[in-house]
Amino acid sequence: MAPSLEQSDSVDDVLSNPLKQKPQLVAPEPEHCPGPESEQAGSADSCAGCPNQAICASAPKGPDPDIPVISSRLENVKRKILVLSGKGGVGKSTFTSLLAHAFATNPDSNVGIMDTDICGPSIPKMMGVEDETIHVSGSGWTPVWVMDNLAVMSIQFMLPSRDEAVIWRGPKKNGLIKHT
């Protein structure tokens, strides 16, 4: 059962107390396993012969060093809403665009969408700004404004052709999202 909004941690709490993501193991942890998050993961004597040894040894240790940078960039954002799902085609972009427009009906609100759908960004089309491009200045990238109080940032604005797909994974994809 999914937690209610009252029970969930705030984004600020999660960013200020980053947890390591547990690596996906191929077999259950053996009885004397030091644990995949341990500093000894994959290198302890009890790891010898374990099918998870390589996974545990290569898993990143400690919190993500970019968390403080991300936190400082988001400190002036009053409310943050993440719309995500592990499945494609369930309406995340549709819901996001409708939610943003609903919030933007309040003229005292400033609303921003960061479209992190690297492989198939559809937010620009849904927001009616698919032919726009971002502006680059000394202070960074300027998003595309849909209305006076509604801005959009998407990788689609950076592509030379709107029909191009970006097939990035891992560090390259994460680096772009962190930079945005």
N, C-alpha and C. Protein backbone atom coordinates (compact mmCIF):
# COMPACT_ATOMS: atom_id res chain seq x y z
N MET A 1 0.84 -1.18 0.00
CA MET A 1 0.00 0.00 0.00
C MET A 1 0.88 1.24 0.00
N ALA A 2 0.59 2.20 -0.85
CA ALA A 2 1.39 3.42 -0.95
C ALA A 2 1.14 4.31 0.26
N PRO A 3 2.18 5.01 0.75
CA PRO A 3 1.98 5.91 1.88
C PRO A 3 1.15 7.11 1.46
N SER A 4 0.43 7.67 2.42
CA SER A 4 -0.33 8.88 2.13
C SER A 4 0.61 10.06 2.08
N LEU A 5 0.13 11.19 1.59
CA LEU A 5 0.97 12.38 1.52
C LEU A 5 1.40 12.82 2.91
N GLU A 6 0.53 12.60 3.92
CA GLU A 6 0.89 12.99 5.28
C GLU A 6 2.02 12.13 5.83
N GLN A 7 2.11 10.88 5.39
CA GLN A 7 3.12 9.97 5.90
C GLN A 7 4.45 10.07 5.18
N SER A 8 4.45 10.58 3.98
CA SER A 8 5.67 10.56 3.18
C SER A 8 6.65 11.64 3.66
N ASP A 9 7.92 11.37 3.44
CA ASP A 9 8.95 12.34 3.79
C ASP A 9 8.94 13.47 2.77
N SER A 10 9.30 14.65 3.21
CA SER A 10 9.39 15.77 2.27
C SER A 10 10.64 15.60 1.42
N VAL A 11 10.65 16.23 0.27
CA VAL A 11 11.81 16.18 -0.61
C VAL A 11 13.03 16.74 0.12
N ASP A 12 12.83 17.82 0.89
CA ASP A 12 13.94 18.41 1.64
C ASP A 12 14.51 17.42 2.64
N ASP A 13 13.64 16.65 3.34
CA ASP A 13 14.12 15.66 4.29
C ASP A 13 14.92 14.57 3.59
N VAL A 14 14.43 14.12 2.45
CA VAL A 14 15.13 13.08 1.70
C VAL A 14 16.48 13.58 1.22
N LEU A 15 16.52 14.83 0.69
CA LEU A 15 17.77 15.37 0.19
C LEU A 15 18.77 15.64 1.30
N SER A 16 18.28 16.02 2.49
CA SER A 16 19.21 16.32 3.58
C SER A 16 19.70 15.05 4.27
N ASN A 17 19.01 13.94 4.10
CA ASN A 17 19.41 12.66 4.69
C ASN A 17 19.45 11.59 3.61
N PRO A 18 20.38 11.72 2.65
CA PRO A 18 20.39 10.78 1.53
C PRO A 18 20.74 9.37 1.97
N LEU A 19 20.02 8.42 1.42
CA LEU A 19 20.29 7.02 1.68
C LEU A 19 20.92 6.40 0.45
N LYS A 20 21.77 5.44 0.67
CA LYS A 20 22.33 4.72 -0.46
C LYS A 20 21.26 3.79 -1.00
N GLN A 21 21.21 3.67 -2.31
CA GLN A 21 20.27 2.73 -2.90
C GLN A 21 20.87 1.34 -2.80
N LYS A 22 20.09 0.41 -2.29
CA LYS A 22 20.57 -0.96 -2.13
C LYS A 22 20.75 -1.59 -3.51
N PRO A 23 21.91 -2.21 -3.76
CA PRO A 23 22.13 -2.83 -5.07
C PRO A 23 21.18 -4.00 -5.29
N GLN A 24 20.85 -4.25 -6.56
CA GLN A 24 19.98 -5.37 -6.91
C GLN A 24 20.81 -6.65 -6.91
N LEU A 25 20.56 -7.51 -5.95
CA LEU A 25 21.32 -8.74 -5.80
C LEU A 25 20.71 -9.84 -6.67
N VAL A 26 21.57 -10.78 -7.11
CA VAL A 26 21.10 -11.88 -7.95
C VAL A 26 20.73 -13.10 -7.11
N ALA A 27 21.14 -13.14 -5.86
CA ALA A 27 20.84 -14.25 -4.97
C ALA A 27 20.62 -13.68 -3.56
N PRO A 28 19.92 -14.43 -2.70
CA PRO A 28 19.73 -13.94 -1.33
C PRO A 28 21.07 -13.75 -0.62
N GLU A 29 21.09 -12.82 0.33
CA GLU A 29 22.32 -12.58 1.08
C GLU A 29 22.65 -13.81 1.92
N PRO A 30 23.91 -14.28 1.90
CA PRO A 30 24.30 -15.43 2.72
C PRO A 30 24.23 -15.07 4.21
N GLU A 31 24.31 -16.09 5.04
CA GLU A 31 24.15 -15.92 6.49
C GLU A 31 25.15 -14.93 7.09
N HIS A 32 26.40 -14.97 6.69
CA HIS A 32 27.42 -14.11 7.30
C HIS A 32 27.77 -12.91 6.41
N CYS A 33 26.85 -12.50 5.59
CA CYS A 33 27.07 -11.37 4.67
C CYS A 33 27.22 -10.07 5.46
N PRO A 34 28.24 -9.25 5.16
CA PRO A 34 28.38 -7.97 5.86
C PRO A 34 27.32 -6.95 5.43
N GLY A 35 26.58 -7.27 4.37
CA GLY A 35 25.55 -6.36 3.87
C GLY A 35 26.04 -5.60 2.66
N PRO A 36 25.18 -5.43 1.65
CA PRO A 36 25.61 -4.76 0.41
C PRO A 36 25.94 -3.29 0.60
N GLU A 37 25.47 -2.66 1.69
CA GLU A 37 25.78 -1.25 1.93
C GLU A 37 27.04 -1.06 2.79
N SER A 38 27.58 -2.16 3.31
CA SER A 38 28.74 -2.10 4.19
C SER A 38 30.00 -1.67 3.44
N GLU A 39 30.94 -1.07 4.16
CA GLU A 39 32.23 -0.72 3.56
C GLU A 39 33.00 -1.97 3.15
N GLN A 40 32.69 -3.12 3.77
CA GLN A 40 33.35 -4.38 3.46
C GLN A 40 32.62 -5.17 2.38
N ALA A 41 31.55 -4.63 1.84
CA ALA A 41 30.74 -5.35 0.85
C ALA A 41 31.59 -5.80 -0.33
N GLY A 42 31.55 -7.09 -0.60
CA GLY A 42 32.27 -7.66 -1.73
C GLY A 42 33.72 -7.97 -1.46
N SER A 43 34.27 -7.50 -0.32
CA SER A 43 35.69 -7.74 -0.05
C SER A 43 35.92 -8.52 1.25
N ALA A 44 34.90 -8.73 2.05
CA ALA A 44 35.06 -9.49 3.29
C ALA A 44 35.31 -10.96 2.97
N ASP A 45 35.92 -11.68 3.92
CA ASP A 45 36.20 -13.11 3.73
C ASP A 45 34.91 -13.88 3.44
N SER A 46 33.82 -13.49 4.08
CA SER A 46 32.56 -14.21 3.89
C SER A 46 31.97 -13.98 2.49
N CYS A 47 32.52 -13.04 1.73
CA CYS A 47 32.01 -12.76 0.38
C CYS A 47 32.59 -13.72 -0.67
N ALA A 48 33.66 -14.43 -0.32
CA ALA A 48 34.29 -15.34 -1.28
C ALA A 48 33.30 -16.39 -1.74
N GLY A 49 33.12 -16.51 -3.04
CA GLY A 49 32.23 -17.50 -3.62
C GLY A 49 30.77 -17.08 -3.70
N CYS A 50 30.44 -15.93 -3.17
CA CYS A 50 29.06 -15.45 -3.20
C CYS A 50 28.72 -14.95 -4.61
N PRO A 51 27.56 -15.32 -5.18
CA PRO A 51 27.21 -14.85 -6.52
C PRO A 51 27.00 -13.33 -6.58
N ASN A 52 26.81 -12.70 -5.43
CA ASN A 52 26.60 -11.24 -5.39
C ASN A 52 27.89 -10.45 -5.20
N GLN A 53 29.03 -11.12 -5.07
CA GLN A 53 30.28 -10.45 -4.71
C GLN A 53 30.61 -9.29 -5.64
N ALA A 54 30.55 -9.48 -6.93
CA ALA A 54 30.91 -8.41 -7.88
C ALA A 54 29.92 -7.25 -7.79
N ILE A 55 28.64 -7.56 -7.60
CA ILE A 55 27.63 -6.51 -7.49
C ILE A 55 27.89 -5.66 -6.26
N CYS A 56 28.11 -6.33 -5.12
CA CYS A 56 28.34 -5.61 -3.87
C CYS A 56 29.64 -4.79 -3.91
N ALA A 57 30.68 -5.36 -4.51
CA ALA A 57 31.97 -4.67 -4.56
C ALA A 57 31.91 -3.43 -5.44
N SER A 58 31.08 -3.44 -6.47
CA SER A 58 31.04 -2.31 -7.39
C SER A 58 29.97 -1.27 -7.04
N ALA A 59 29.14 -1.57 -6.05
CA ALA A 59 28.08 -0.62 -5.68
C ALA A 59 28.70 0.63 -5.05
N PRO A 60 28.17 1.81 -5.37
CA PRO A 60 28.71 3.04 -4.79
C PRO A 60 28.52 3.06 -3.28
N LYS A 61 29.50 3.56 -2.58
CA LYS A 61 29.46 3.63 -1.12
C LYS A 61 29.20 5.07 -0.69
N GLY A 62 28.40 5.22 0.32
CA GLY A 62 28.14 6.55 0.87
C GLY A 62 27.09 7.32 0.11
N PRO A 63 26.72 8.48 0.63
CA PRO A 63 25.69 9.29 -0.02
C PRO A 63 26.20 9.92 -1.31
N ASP A 64 25.29 10.26 -2.18
CA ASP A 64 25.61 10.91 -3.45
C ASP A 64 26.24 12.28 -3.16
N PRO A 65 27.43 12.54 -3.66
CA PRO A 65 28.09 13.82 -3.36
C PRO A 65 27.39 15.02 -3.99
N ASP A 66 26.49 14.80 -4.95
CA ASP A 66 25.79 15.91 -5.58
C ASP A 66 24.56 16.38 -4.80
N ILE A 67 24.18 15.65 -3.76
CA ILE A 67 22.99 16.02 -2.99
C ILE A 67 23.08 17.44 -2.43
N PRO A 68 24.20 17.89 -1.85
CA PRO A 68 24.25 19.27 -1.35
C PRO A 68 24.07 20.31 -2.46
N VAL A 69 24.61 20.06 -3.64
CA VAL A 69 24.47 20.99 -4.76
C VAL A 69 23.00 21.07 -5.19
N ILE A 70 22.37 19.91 -5.32
CA ILE A 70 20.96 19.87 -5.72
C ILE A 70 20.11 20.56 -4.66
N SER A 71 20.39 20.31 -3.39
CA SER A 71 19.64 20.95 -2.31
C SER A 71 19.75 22.46 -2.36
N SER A 72 20.95 22.96 -2.61
CA SER A 72 21.11 24.42 -2.65
C SER A 72 20.40 25.03 -3.85
N ARG A 73 20.37 24.32 -4.97
CA ARG A 73 19.67 24.84 -6.15
C ARG A 73 18.15 24.86 -5.95
N LEU A 74 17.65 23.96 -5.12
CA LEU A 74 16.21 23.87 -4.90
C LEU A 74 15.74 24.58 -3.63
N GLU A 75 16.65 25.23 -2.90
CA GLU A 75 16.26 25.80 -1.62
C GLU A 75 15.22 26.92 -1.74
N ASN A 76 15.15 27.61 -2.86
CA ASN A 76 14.16 28.68 -3.03
C ASN A 76 12.86 28.19 -3.66
N VAL A 77 12.78 26.91 -3.95
CA VAL A 77 11.55 26.33 -4.49
C VAL A 77 10.69 25.90 -3.30
N LYS A 78 9.53 26.55 -3.17
CA LYS A 78 8.70 26.33 -1.99
C LYS A 78 8.10 24.92 -1.95
N ARG A 79 7.53 24.48 -3.05
CA ARG A 79 6.91 23.16 -3.11
C ARG A 79 7.48 22.40 -4.30
N LYS A 80 7.75 21.13 -4.08
CA LYS A 80 8.29 20.28 -5.15
C LYS A 80 7.39 19.06 -5.25
N ILE A 81 6.93 18.76 -6.46
CA ILE A 81 6.08 17.60 -6.69
C ILE A 81 6.76 16.74 -7.75
N LEU A 82 6.97 15.48 -7.43
CA LEU A 82 7.56 14.54 -8.38
C LEU A 82 6.44 13.67 -8.94
N VAL A 83 6.36 13.59 -10.25
CA VAL A 83 5.40 12.71 -10.90
C VAL A 83 6.23 11.63 -11.57
N LEU A 84 6.13 10.40 -11.05
CA LEU A 84 6.96 9.34 -11.59
C LEU A 84 6.25 8.00 -11.53
N SER A 85 6.74 7.09 -12.31
CA SER A 85 6.22 5.73 -12.35
C SER A 85 7.30 4.84 -12.96
N GLY A 86 7.30 3.60 -12.59
CA GLY A 86 8.25 2.66 -13.18
C GLY A 86 7.77 2.12 -14.51
N LYS A 87 6.63 2.57 -14.97
CA LYS A 87 6.04 2.05 -16.20
C LYS A 87 5.80 3.20 -17.17
N GLY A 88 5.99 2.94 -18.43
CA GLY A 88 5.74 3.96 -19.44
C GLY A 88 4.30 3.96 -19.90
N GLY A 89 3.86 5.08 -20.44
CA GLY A 89 2.54 5.16 -21.04
C GLY A 89 1.38 5.20 -20.07
N VAL A 90 1.62 5.65 -18.84
CA VAL A 90 0.54 5.68 -17.85
C VAL A 90 -0.02 7.08 -17.63
N GLY A 91 0.50 8.08 -18.35
CA GLY A 91 -0.06 9.42 -18.26
C GLY A 91 0.70 10.40 -17.38
N LYS A 92 1.97 10.11 -17.13
CA LYS A 92 2.76 11.01 -16.27
C LYS A 92 2.87 12.41 -16.87
N SER A 93 3.17 12.50 -18.15
CA SER A 93 3.31 13.80 -18.80
C SER A 93 1.97 14.52 -18.90
N THR A 94 0.92 13.79 -19.20
CA THR A 94 -0.41 14.39 -19.27
C THR A 94 -0.80 14.96 -17.91
N PHE A 95 -0.63 14.16 -16.87
CA PHE A 95 -0.95 14.60 -15.52
C PHE A 95 -0.12 15.82 -15.12
N THR A 96 1.18 15.77 -15.43
CA THR A 96 2.07 16.87 -15.09
C THR A 96 1.65 18.16 -15.77
N SER A 97 1.33 18.10 -17.05
CA SER A 97 0.94 19.32 -17.77
C SER A 97 -0.38 19.87 -17.24
N LEU A 98 -1.33 19.01 -16.95
CA LEU A 98 -2.61 19.46 -16.39
C LEU A 98 -2.44 20.05 -15.00
N LEU A 99 -1.61 19.41 -14.18
CA LEU A 99 -1.35 19.91 -12.83
C LEU A 99 -0.66 21.27 -12.87
N ALA A 100 0.31 21.41 -13.75
CA ALA A 100 1.03 22.69 -13.87
C ALA A 100 0.08 23.81 -14.31
N HIS A 101 -0.76 23.53 -15.28
CA HIS A 101 -1.73 24.54 -15.72
C HIS A 101 -2.69 24.91 -14.59
N ALA A 102 -3.11 23.91 -13.81
CA ALA A 102 -4.01 24.18 -12.69
C ALA A 102 -3.35 25.09 -11.66
N PHE A 103 -2.09 24.80 -11.32
CA PHE A 103 -1.38 25.66 -10.36
C PHE A 103 -1.15 27.06 -10.93
N ALA A 104 -0.90 27.13 -12.22
CA ALA A 104 -0.59 28.42 -12.85
C ALA A 104 -1.82 29.32 -12.98
N THR A 105 -3.02 28.79 -12.74
CA THR A 105 -4.20 29.65 -12.77
C THR A 105 -4.18 30.66 -11.63
N ASN A 106 -3.39 30.38 -10.60
CA ASN A 106 -3.20 31.34 -9.51
C ASN A 106 -2.10 32.31 -9.95
N PRO A 107 -2.44 33.58 -10.19
CA PRO A 107 -1.42 34.52 -10.69
C PRO A 107 -0.29 34.80 -9.71
N ASP A 108 -0.48 34.44 -8.43
CA ASP A 108 0.57 34.65 -7.44
C ASP A 108 1.57 33.50 -7.39
N SER A 109 1.30 32.44 -8.14
CA SER A 109 2.18 31.27 -8.16
C SER A 109 3.14 31.33 -9.34
N ASN A 110 4.33 30.84 -9.12
CA ASN A 110 5.29 30.60 -10.20
C ASN A 110 5.47 29.10 -10.29
N VAL A 111 5.24 28.54 -11.47
CA VAL A 111 5.24 27.10 -11.67
C VAL A 111 6.31 26.74 -12.69
N GLY A 112 7.06 25.69 -12.41
CA GLY A 112 8.07 25.21 -13.34
C GLY A 112 7.96 23.71 -13.52
N ILE A 113 8.18 23.26 -14.73
CA ILE A 113 8.22 21.82 -15.02
C ILE A 113 9.62 21.49 -15.51
N MET A 114 10.22 20.47 -14.91
CA MET A 114 11.48 19.96 -15.42
C MET A 114 11.19 18.57 -15.98
N ASP A 115 11.17 18.46 -17.28
CA ASP A 115 10.87 17.20 -17.98
C ASP A 115 12.14 16.37 -18.06
N THR A 116 12.24 15.35 -17.22
CA THR A 116 13.43 14.50 -17.23
C THR A 116 13.23 13.23 -18.04
N ASP A 117 12.24 13.22 -18.90
CA ASP A 117 12.03 12.09 -19.81
C ASP A 117 13.03 12.24 -20.95
N ILE A 118 14.19 11.64 -20.78
CA ILE A 118 15.29 11.80 -21.73
C ILE A 118 14.99 11.13 -23.07
N CYS A 119 14.38 9.96 -23.03
CA CYS A 119 14.19 9.18 -24.26
C CYS A 119 13.00 9.62 -25.10
N GLY A 120 11.99 10.21 -24.50
CA GLY A 120 10.82 10.60 -25.26
C GLY A 120 10.10 11.77 -24.64
N PRO A 121 10.72 12.94 -24.63
CA PRO A 121 10.09 14.09 -23.97
C PRO A 121 8.83 14.54 -24.71
N SER A 122 7.71 14.58 -24.00
CA SER A 122 6.45 15.00 -24.62
C SER A 122 5.86 16.25 -23.98
N ILE A 123 6.42 16.69 -22.88
CA ILE A 123 5.90 17.88 -22.19
C ILE A 123 5.90 19.11 -23.11
N PRO A 124 6.96 19.39 -23.87
CA PRO A 124 6.92 20.58 -24.73
C PRO A 124 5.73 20.58 -25.70
N LYS A 125 5.43 19.43 -26.26
CA LYS A 125 4.29 19.35 -27.19
C LYS A 125 2.98 19.57 -26.44
N MET A 126 2.85 18.95 -25.28
CA MET A 126 1.62 19.11 -24.49
C MET A 126 1.42 20.54 -24.01
N MET A 127 2.51 21.25 -23.81
CA MET A 127 2.42 22.63 -23.33
C MET A 127 2.36 23.63 -24.49
N GLY A 128 2.48 23.13 -25.74
CA GLY A 128 2.37 24.01 -26.90
C GLY A 128 3.62 24.81 -27.20
N VAL A 129 4.78 24.32 -26.74
CA VAL A 129 6.03 25.06 -26.95
C VAL A 129 7.10 24.18 -27.62
N GLU A 130 6.66 23.20 -28.42
CA GLU A 130 7.62 22.24 -28.99
C GLU A 130 8.61 22.85 -29.97
N ASP A 131 8.33 24.01 -30.53
CA ASP A 131 9.25 24.63 -31.48
C ASP A 131 10.18 25.65 -30.83
N GLU A 132 10.11 25.78 -29.53
CA GLU A 132 10.95 26.75 -28.81
C GLU A 132 12.32 26.16 -28.51
N THR A 133 13.25 27.02 -28.13
CA THR A 133 14.57 26.58 -27.67
C THR A 133 14.89 27.32 -26.39
N ILE A 134 15.78 26.74 -25.62
CA ILE A 134 16.20 27.40 -24.38
C ILE A 134 17.23 28.47 -24.71
N HIS A 135 17.44 29.36 -23.78
CA HIS A 135 18.45 30.41 -23.93
C HIS A 135 19.57 30.13 -22.94
N VAL A 136 20.79 30.25 -23.41
CA VAL A 136 21.95 30.02 -22.56
C VAL A 136 22.58 31.36 -22.24
N SER A 137 22.84 31.58 -20.96
CA SER A 137 23.48 32.82 -20.53
C SER A 137 24.60 32.48 -19.56
N GLY A 138 25.25 33.49 -19.06
CA GLY A 138 26.33 33.27 -18.10
C GLY A 138 25.85 32.63 -16.81
N SER A 139 24.57 32.82 -16.49
CA SER A 139 24.03 32.24 -15.26
C SER A 139 23.40 30.87 -15.47
N GLY A 140 23.44 30.36 -16.69
CA GLY A 140 22.90 29.02 -16.95
C GLY A 140 21.85 29.02 -18.03
N TRP A 141 21.00 28.01 -18.01
CA TRP A 141 19.95 27.85 -19.00
C TRP A 141 18.69 28.56 -18.52
N THR A 142 18.02 29.23 -19.44
CA THR A 142 16.75 29.88 -19.14
C THR A 142 15.64 29.02 -19.72
N PRO A 143 14.65 28.66 -18.92
CA PRO A 143 13.58 27.80 -19.44
C PRO A 143 12.69 28.52 -20.44
N VAL A 144 11.85 27.76 -21.09
CA VAL A 144 10.86 28.30 -22.02
C VAL A 144 9.61 28.64 -21.22
N TRP A 145 9.10 29.85 -21.43
CA TRP A 145 7.92 30.29 -20.70
C TRP A 145 6.67 30.01 -21.52
N VAL A 146 5.73 29.29 -20.91
CA VAL A 146 4.44 28.98 -21.53
C VAL A 146 3.48 30.13 -21.26
N MET A 147 3.51 30.62 -20.03
CA MET A 147 2.71 31.77 -19.58
C MET A 147 3.63 32.62 -18.71
N ASP A 148 3.13 33.75 -18.23
CA ASP A 148 3.95 34.61 -17.39
C ASP A 148 4.46 33.91 -16.14
N ASN A 149 3.73 32.92 -15.66
CA ASN A 149 4.13 32.24 -14.42
C ASN A 149 4.29 30.73 -14.58
N LEU A 150 4.49 30.26 -15.81
CA LEU A 150 4.65 28.83 -16.07
C LEU A 150 5.81 28.59 -17.04
N ALA A 151 6.86 27.94 -16.53
CA ALA A 151 8.07 27.70 -17.33
C ALA A 151 8.29 26.20 -17.51
N VAL A 152 8.96 25.84 -18.60
CA VAL A 152 9.26 24.44 -18.91
C VAL A 152 10.73 24.30 -19.28
N MET A 153 11.36 23.26 -18.76
CA MET A 153 12.72 22.89 -19.17
C MET A 153 12.65 21.43 -19.61
N SER A 154 13.15 21.16 -20.80
CA SER A 154 13.12 19.80 -21.34
C SER A 154 14.33 19.59 -22.25
N ILE A 155 14.79 18.35 -22.32
CA ILE A 155 15.90 18.04 -23.22
C ILE A 155 15.50 18.28 -24.67
N GLN A 156 14.22 18.20 -24.98
CA GLN A 156 13.78 18.41 -26.36
C GLN A 156 14.22 19.78 -26.87
N PHE A 157 14.28 20.77 -26.00
CA PHE A 157 14.68 22.11 -26.41
C PHE A 157 16.15 22.17 -26.83
N MET A 158 16.93 21.18 -26.44
CA MET A 158 18.37 21.17 -26.72
C MET A 158 18.74 20.31 -27.92
N LEU A 159 17.79 19.56 -28.45
CA LEU A 159 18.08 18.66 -29.57
C LEU A 159 18.08 19.42 -30.89
N PRO A 160 19.00 19.06 -31.81
CA PRO A 160 19.03 19.73 -33.12
C PRO A 160 17.78 19.43 -33.94
N SER A 161 17.19 18.26 -33.75
CA SER A 161 15.98 17.88 -34.48
C SER A 161 14.96 17.34 -33.48
N ARG A 162 13.72 17.76 -33.61
CA ARG A 162 12.67 17.32 -32.68
C ARG A 162 12.35 15.84 -32.84
N ASP A 163 12.77 15.25 -33.95
CA ASP A 163 12.50 13.84 -34.19
C ASP A 163 13.60 12.93 -33.65
N GLU A 164 14.67 13.51 -33.13
CA GLU A 164 15.78 12.72 -32.61
C GLU A 164 15.43 12.14 -31.25
N ALA A 165 15.90 10.93 -31.02
CA ALA A 165 15.77 10.31 -29.71
C ALA A 165 17.13 10.35 -29.03
N VAL A 166 17.12 10.50 -27.75
CA VAL A 166 18.35 10.46 -26.97
C VAL A 166 18.34 9.15 -26.20
N ILE A 167 19.34 8.34 -26.43
CA ILE A 167 19.39 7.05 -25.75
C ILE A 167 20.62 7.06 -24.85
N TRP A 168 20.47 7.72 -23.73
CA TRP A 168 21.53 7.80 -22.74
C TRP A 168 21.13 6.97 -21.54
N ARG A 169 22.14 6.42 -20.89
CA ARG A 169 21.91 5.67 -19.67
C ARG A 169 22.96 6.07 -18.65
N GLY A 170 22.71 5.68 -17.42
CA GLY A 170 23.69 5.80 -16.36
C GLY A 170 24.20 7.20 -16.12
N PRO A 171 25.54 7.33 -15.98
CA PRO A 171 26.13 8.60 -15.57
C PRO A 171 25.83 9.76 -16.51
N LYS A 172 25.77 9.51 -17.81
CA LYS A 172 25.51 10.60 -18.76
C LYS A 172 24.10 11.16 -18.56
N LYS A 173 23.13 10.27 -18.41
CA LYS A 173 21.74 10.68 -18.18
C LYS A 173 21.61 11.39 -16.83
N ASN A 174 22.18 10.82 -15.79
CA ASN A 174 22.12 11.43 -14.46
C ASN A 174 22.81 12.78 -14.44
N GLY A 175 23.92 12.90 -15.16
CA GLY A 175 24.64 14.17 -15.22
C GLY A 175 23.80 15.28 -15.83
N LEU A 176 23.07 14.97 -16.89
CA LEU A 176 22.22 15.98 -17.52
C LEU A 176 21.11 16.41 -16.57
N ILE A 177 20.48 15.45 -15.91
CA ILE A 177 19.40 15.78 -14.98
C ILE A 177 19.92 16.63 -13.84
N LYS A 178 21.09 16.30 -13.30
CA LYS A 178 21.66 17.09 -12.20
C LYS A 178 22.03 18.49 -12.66
N HIS A 179 22.49 18.62 -13.91
CA HIS A 179 22.88 19.93 -14.43
C HIS A 179 21.68 20.83 -14.65
N THR A 180 20.55 20.23 -15.06
CA THR A 180 19.34 20.99 -15.33
C THR A 180 18.77 21.51 -14.06
